[in-house]
Amino acid sequence: MIEHVSAVIIVKNAADTIRGTLESLRAFQEVVLYDNGSSDDTLSIASEYPNVLIFEGQFVDLNHCRTEQPPETPLTTQASHESCLQHS
């Protein structure tokens, strides 16, 4: 079991591929799945996996994440990337 690293994936309408992706991540204790408004079975499939934490909201884009900042630490990493995601 991989305990000190979390896998993070951003999805939208990924029902055709999400099962294979999550199967490949079973070794991770925690997989963070950020859903960007799926209207298919993506969330239903993801909820079958006990190591998956599901969040829903609007993904803005990666350009919002780019800033001129000092080197990241665990505390600043989360704060600097919160502008990429808008939770619902």
Protein backbone atom coordinates (compact mmCIF):
# COMPACT_ATOMS: atom_id res chain seq x y z
CA MET A 1 0.00 0.00 0.00
CA ILE A 2 1.40 3.39 -1.01
CA GLU A 3 0.67 5.58 2.03
CA HIS A 4 2.65 8.80 1.67
CA VAL A 5 1.68 9.78 -1.87
CA SER A 6 -1.81 10.62 -3.09
CA ALA A 7 -2.85 10.25 -6.70
CA VAL A 8 -4.97 13.13 -7.98
CA ILE A 9 -7.07 12.97 -11.15
CA ILE A 10 -9.40 15.49 -12.75
CA VAL A 11 -12.26 13.97 -14.73
CA LYS A 12 -15.36 14.79 -16.71
CA ASN A 13 -17.51 12.11 -18.34
CA ALA A 14 -14.80 9.47 -17.99
CA ALA A 15 -17.08 6.45 -17.50
CA ASP A 16 -15.44 4.62 -20.40
CA THR A 17 -11.95 4.82 -18.89
CA ILE A 18 -12.26 5.53 -15.16
CA ARG A 19 -12.49 1.90 -14.03
CA GLY A 20 -9.17 1.01 -15.66
CA THR A 21 -7.56 4.12 -14.23
CA LEU A 22 -8.78 3.43 -10.70
CA GLU A 23 -7.80 -0.25 -10.94
CA SER A 24 -4.25 0.87 -11.73
CA LEU A 25 -4.31 3.08 -8.60
CA ARG A 26 -5.50 0.42 -6.11
CA ALA A 27 -2.05 0.40 -4.47
CA PHE A 28 -2.53 4.00 -3.34
CA GLN A 29 -4.11 4.51 0.06
CA GLU A 30 -5.68 7.73 -1.21
CA VAL A 31 -6.85 8.74 -4.68
CA VAL A 32 -8.38 12.19 -4.98
CA LEU A 33 -10.86 12.37 -7.84
CA TYR A 34 -12.01 15.85 -8.80
CA ASP A 35 -15.09 15.69 -11.02
CA ASN A 36 -15.80 18.61 -13.33
CA GLY A 37 -19.54 18.04 -13.86
CA SER A 38 -19.83 14.53 -15.26
CA SER A 39 -23.24 13.53 -16.60
CA ASP A 40 -22.36 9.87 -17.17
CA ASP A 41 -21.57 7.07 -14.68
CA THR A 42 -18.13 8.39 -13.71
CA LEU A 43 -19.09 9.18 -10.09
CA SER A 44 -21.02 5.96 -9.66
CA ILE A 45 -18.04 3.91 -10.79
CA ALA A 46 -15.58 5.92 -8.69
CA SER A 47 -17.71 5.43 -5.58
CA GLU A 48 -17.09 1.67 -5.83
CA TYR A 49 -13.46 2.21 -4.81
CA PRO A 50 -12.89 2.67 -1.06
CA ASN A 51 -9.56 4.49 -1.55
CA VAL A 52 -11.14 7.21 -3.73
CA LEU A 53 -12.14 10.57 -2.25
CA ILE A 54 -14.58 12.33 -4.56
CA PHE A 55 -14.82 16.09 -4.91
CA GLU A 56 -17.06 17.92 -7.34
CA GLY A 57 -16.72 21.40 -8.77
CA GLN A 58 -15.56 23.46 -11.69
CA PHE A 59 -11.99 23.11 -12.91
CA VAL A 60 -10.87 26.52 -14.13
CA ASP A 61 -7.60 25.67 -15.93
CA LEU A 62 -3.95 25.13 -15.20
CA ASN A 63 -2.98 28.66 -16.24
CA HIS A 64 -4.70 29.95 -13.08
CA CYS A 65 -2.24 27.83 -11.09
CA ARG A 66 0.88 29.49 -12.47
CA THR A 67 2.16 32.24 -10.23
CA GLU A 68 5.48 33.77 -9.34
CA GLN A 69 5.92 32.38 -5.85
CA PRO A 70 8.73 31.15 -3.63
CA PRO A 71 9.47 27.40 -3.65
CA GLU A 72 6.48 25.44 -2.46
CA THR A 73 6.16 23.80 0.91
CA PRO A 74 3.30 21.49 1.85
CA LEU A 75 1.41 24.45 3.34
CA THR A 76 1.87 26.82 0.40
CA THR A 77 1.25 24.14 -2.23
CA GLN A 78 -2.40 23.75 -1.26
CA ALA A 79 -2.97 27.50 -0.96
CA SER A 80 -1.31 28.28 -4.28
CA HIS A 81 -3.39 25.72 -6.17
CA GLU A 82 -6.80 26.43 -4.64
CA SER A 83 -7.48 28.99 -7.37
CA CYS A 84 -7.45 26.14 -9.94
CA LEU A 85 -10.52 24.52 -8.42
CA GLN A 86 -13.88 25.97 -7.54
CA HIS A 87 -15.69 23.64 -5.17
CA SER A 88 -19.43 23.26 -5.36
